[in-house]
Amino acid sequence: MVSRYHPLLVTLHWLLALLILGMLIDGWQVLSLFRNTNPAKVLQLQLHVVAGLTVGVLMLARLGTRWGTDKPAHAQTGNALMDMVAQIVHVILYVLVFAMVISGIALAFNTDLFNILFGPNPLPLPKTFRHLLPRSIHGTLANILMFTFLAHFAGALFHQKILKDNLIARMWYGNRK
């Protein structure tokens, strides 16, 4: 049994954590500030779409790396319920991120957003996205993802600061044996 995750998985973990957090902040704090008539929103949406698709590709690579490499045993807290919740949170994170990517793609197809943002003749954005089901789903999933992200972060801090089991070292670079 190895003591650390594969270096590619470590890289993908931290890169995705930053990208996903950045995407959530962008969606809440940047995209929501601009009206769809503001030309700056087009650039923000272009960046958001490209970053979202990048997250989807990197998540597939992460999943493949996770399945294809040796990994440490599940971290233990000494409490069976907490250990089970931690495993469930990890699965939920994967599901939510993939669901966010899928709902974003559905929104883009529903509004012809790929053509609007990246087509040869830029089109105006729709007046609003709020009435569309994929947008509602995307927004709801973003809220759930942020809560789950924070739960994951809190769990890592609990291990590191309360249990003092050096859990974060497992998701860092170094000797895997």
Protein backbone atom coordinates (compact mmCIF):
# COMPACT_ATOMS: atom_id res chain seq x y z
CA MET A 1 0.00 0.00 0.00
CA VAL A 2 1.33 3.44 -0.93
CA SER A 3 1.37 6.38 1.49
CA ARG A 4 0.72 9.14 -1.05
CA TYR A 5 -1.34 9.66 -4.17
CA HIS A 6 0.24 9.52 -7.61
CA PRO A 7 1.97 12.83 -8.55
CA LEU A 8 -0.36 13.31 -11.55
CA LEU A 9 -3.37 12.89 -9.25
CA VAL A 10 -1.84 15.38 -6.81
CA THR A 11 -1.32 17.90 -9.60
CA LEU A 12 -4.85 17.41 -10.93
CA HIS A 13 -6.33 17.67 -7.42
CA TRP A 14 -4.79 21.05 -6.65
CA LEU A 15 -5.21 22.43 -10.17
CA LEU A 16 -8.87 21.44 -10.22
CA ALA A 17 -9.44 22.82 -6.73
CA LEU A 18 -8.16 26.21 -7.87
CA LEU A 19 -10.03 26.12 -11.18
CA ILE A 20 -13.32 25.05 -9.63
CA LEU A 21 -13.10 27.60 -6.84
CA GLY A 22 -12.25 30.26 -9.42
CA MET A 23 -15.19 29.19 -11.59
CA LEU A 24 -17.60 29.37 -8.65
CA ILE A 25 -16.36 32.84 -7.72
CA ASP A 26 -16.51 33.92 -11.37
CA GLY A 27 -20.10 32.73 -11.69
CA TRP A 28 -21.26 34.43 -8.50
CA GLN A 29 -19.15 37.56 -8.38
CA VAL A 30 -18.28 38.39 -11.99
CA LEU A 31 -20.83 37.00 -14.41
CA SER A 32 -23.72 38.06 -12.21
CA LEU A 33 -22.46 41.68 -12.21
CA PHE A 34 -22.70 42.14 -15.96
CA ARG A 35 -25.94 42.52 -17.87
CA ASN A 36 -26.12 40.40 -21.01
CA THR A 37 -26.07 43.62 -23.05
CA ASN A 38 -22.62 44.52 -21.66
CA PRO A 39 -19.88 43.55 -24.19
CA ALA A 40 -17.58 42.63 -21.28
CA LYS A 41 -19.93 39.76 -20.45
CA VAL A 42 -19.08 38.04 -23.73
CA LEU A 43 -15.39 37.86 -22.80
CA GLN A 44 -16.26 36.65 -19.29
CA LEU A 45 -18.55 33.98 -20.69
CA GLN A 46 -15.89 32.89 -23.19
CA LEU A 47 -13.41 32.45 -20.33
CA HIS A 48 -16.04 30.69 -18.20
CA VAL A 49 -16.99 28.25 -20.98
CA VAL A 50 -13.37 27.43 -21.84
CA ALA A 51 -12.48 26.98 -18.17
CA GLY A 52 -15.58 24.83 -17.61
CA LEU A 53 -14.74 22.55 -20.53
CA THR A 54 -11.16 22.38 -19.26
CA VAL A 55 -12.45 21.30 -15.84
CA GLY A 56 -14.47 18.54 -17.55
CA VAL A 57 -11.42 17.21 -19.43
CA LEU A 58 -9.19 17.42 -16.35
CA MET A 59 -11.83 15.63 -14.26
CA LEU A 60 -11.87 12.77 -16.76
CA ALA A 61 -8.07 12.62 -16.53
CA ARG A 62 -8.32 12.71 -12.74
CA LEU A 63 -10.84 9.90 -12.66
CA GLY A 64 -8.71 7.79 -15.01
CA THR A 65 -5.60 8.46 -12.94
CA ARG A 66 -7.45 7.63 -9.73
CA TRP A 67 -8.68 4.32 -11.13
CA GLY A 68 -5.36 3.47 -12.76
CA THR A 69 -2.90 4.16 -9.95
CA ASP A 70 -2.24 2.80 -6.49
CA LYS A 71 -3.64 4.97 -3.72
CA PRO A 72 -3.42 5.08 0.05
CA ALA A 73 -6.08 3.43 2.18
CA HIS A 74 -9.02 5.64 3.10
CA ALA A 75 -8.17 8.05 5.89
CA GLN A 76 -9.56 7.07 9.26
CA THR A 77 -10.88 9.36 11.98
CA GLY A 78 -11.71 6.69 14.55
CA ASN A 79 -15.42 7.33 13.95
CA ALA A 80 -17.13 5.03 11.43
CA LEU A 81 -19.86 7.55 10.63
CA MET A 82 -17.36 10.35 9.90
CA ASP A 83 -15.29 7.98 7.76
CA MET A 84 -18.38 7.03 5.75
CA VAL A 85 -19.40 10.68 5.33
CA ALA A 86 -15.90 11.51 4.06
CA GLN A 87 -16.12 8.82 1.38
CA ILE A 88 -19.59 10.01 0.38
CA VAL A 89 -18.38 13.63 0.15
CA HIS A 90 -15.61 12.55 -2.24
CA VAL A 91 -18.11 10.78 -4.51
CA ILE A 92 -20.49 13.75 -4.33
CA LEU A 93 -17.68 16.12 -5.34
CA TYR A 94 -17.02 14.09 -8.49
CA VAL A 95 -20.74 13.86 -9.31
CA LEU A 96 -21.34 17.56 -8.73
CA VAL A 97 -18.39 18.69 -10.83
CA PHE A 98 -19.43 16.47 -13.74
CA ALA A 99 -23.04 17.64 -13.32
CA MET A 100 -21.88 21.27 -13.40
CA VAL A 101 -19.99 20.64 -16.65
CA ILE A 102 -22.97 18.85 -18.18
CA SER A 103 -25.46 21.52 -17.10
CA GLY A 104 -23.14 24.22 -18.48
CA ILE A 105 -22.93 22.41 -21.81
CA ALA A 106 -26.73 21.95 -21.81
CA LEU A 107 -27.15 25.68 -21.19
CA ALA A 108 -24.74 26.48 -24.02
CA PHE A 109 -26.61 24.24 -26.46
CA ASN A 110 -29.98 25.52 -25.25
CA THR A 111 -28.99 29.11 -26.06
CA ASP A 112 -26.63 28.51 -29.02
CA LEU A 113 -23.94 29.94 -26.75
CA PHE A 114 -21.06 28.18 -28.50
CA ASN A 115 -22.00 29.93 -31.75
CA ILE A 116 -22.68 33.23 -29.99
CA LEU A 117 -19.33 33.22 -28.17
CA PHE A 118 -17.05 31.48 -30.63
CA GLY A 119 -18.78 31.69 -34.02
CA PRO A 120 -17.35 33.64 -36.96
CA ASN A 121 -20.07 36.29 -36.64
CA PRO A 122 -20.63 37.07 -32.96
CA LEU A 123 -24.30 37.25 -32.07
CA PRO A 124 -25.84 39.16 -29.19
CA LEU A 125 -26.42 37.28 -25.96
CA PRO A 126 -30.00 36.43 -25.03
CA LYS A 127 -31.62 39.04 -22.78
CA THR A 128 -31.33 36.64 -19.82
CA PHE A 129 -30.52 33.04 -19.01
CA ARG A 130 -32.42 32.91 -15.72
CA HIS A 131 -35.65 31.45 -17.12
CA LEU A 132 -33.88 28.42 -18.60
CA LEU A 133 -33.93 25.08 -16.75
CA PRO A 134 -30.23 24.29 -17.40
CA ARG A 135 -29.32 27.70 -15.90
CA SER A 136 -31.41 27.00 -12.80
CA ILE A 137 -29.81 23.58 -12.45
CA HIS A 138 -26.32 25.04 -13.00
CA GLY A 139 -26.88 27.69 -10.32
CA THR A 140 -28.33 25.22 -7.81
CA LEU A 141 -25.48 22.79 -8.40
CA ALA A 142 -22.98 25.62 -7.89
CA ASN A 143 -24.42 26.31 -4.44
CA ILE A 144 -24.36 22.62 -3.49
CA LEU A 145 -20.84 22.25 -4.89
CA MET A 146 -19.57 25.19 -2.83
CA PHE A 147 -21.07 23.71 0.34
CA THR A 148 -19.55 20.29 -0.45
CA PHE A 149 -16.21 21.90 -1.34
CA LEU A 150 -16.22 23.64 2.06
CA ALA A 151 -17.13 20.38 3.82
CA HIS A 152 -14.19 18.68 2.09
CA PHE A 153 -11.88 21.53 3.10
CA ALA A 154 -13.17 21.41 6.69
CA GLY A 155 -12.55 17.67 6.80
CA ALA A 156 -8.96 18.14 5.61
CA LEU A 157 -8.41 20.82 8.28
CA PHE A 158 -9.96 18.54 10.92
CA HIS A 159 -7.47 15.82 10.03
CA GLN A 160 -4.54 18.20 9.88
CA LYS A 161 -5.21 20.39 12.92
CA ILE A 162 -7.35 18.28 15.30
CA LEU A 163 -6.31 14.70 14.56
CA LYS A 164 -2.79 15.83 13.59
CA ASP A 165 -2.47 12.84 11.26
CA ASN A 166 -0.70 14.82 8.49
CA LEU A 167 -3.45 13.89 6.01
CA ILE A 168 -2.56 16.66 3.58
CA ALA A 169 0.85 15.04 2.97
CA ARG A 170 -1.00 12.20 1.23
CA MET A 171 -2.17 14.69 -1.41
CA TRP A 172 1.28 16.20 -1.91
CA TYR A 173 4.48 15.25 -3.68
CA GLY A 174 7.09 12.95 -2.21
CA ASN A 175 8.06 9.35 -1.70
CA ARG A 176 4.97 7.17 -2.15
CA LYS A 177 6.24 4.18 -0.12
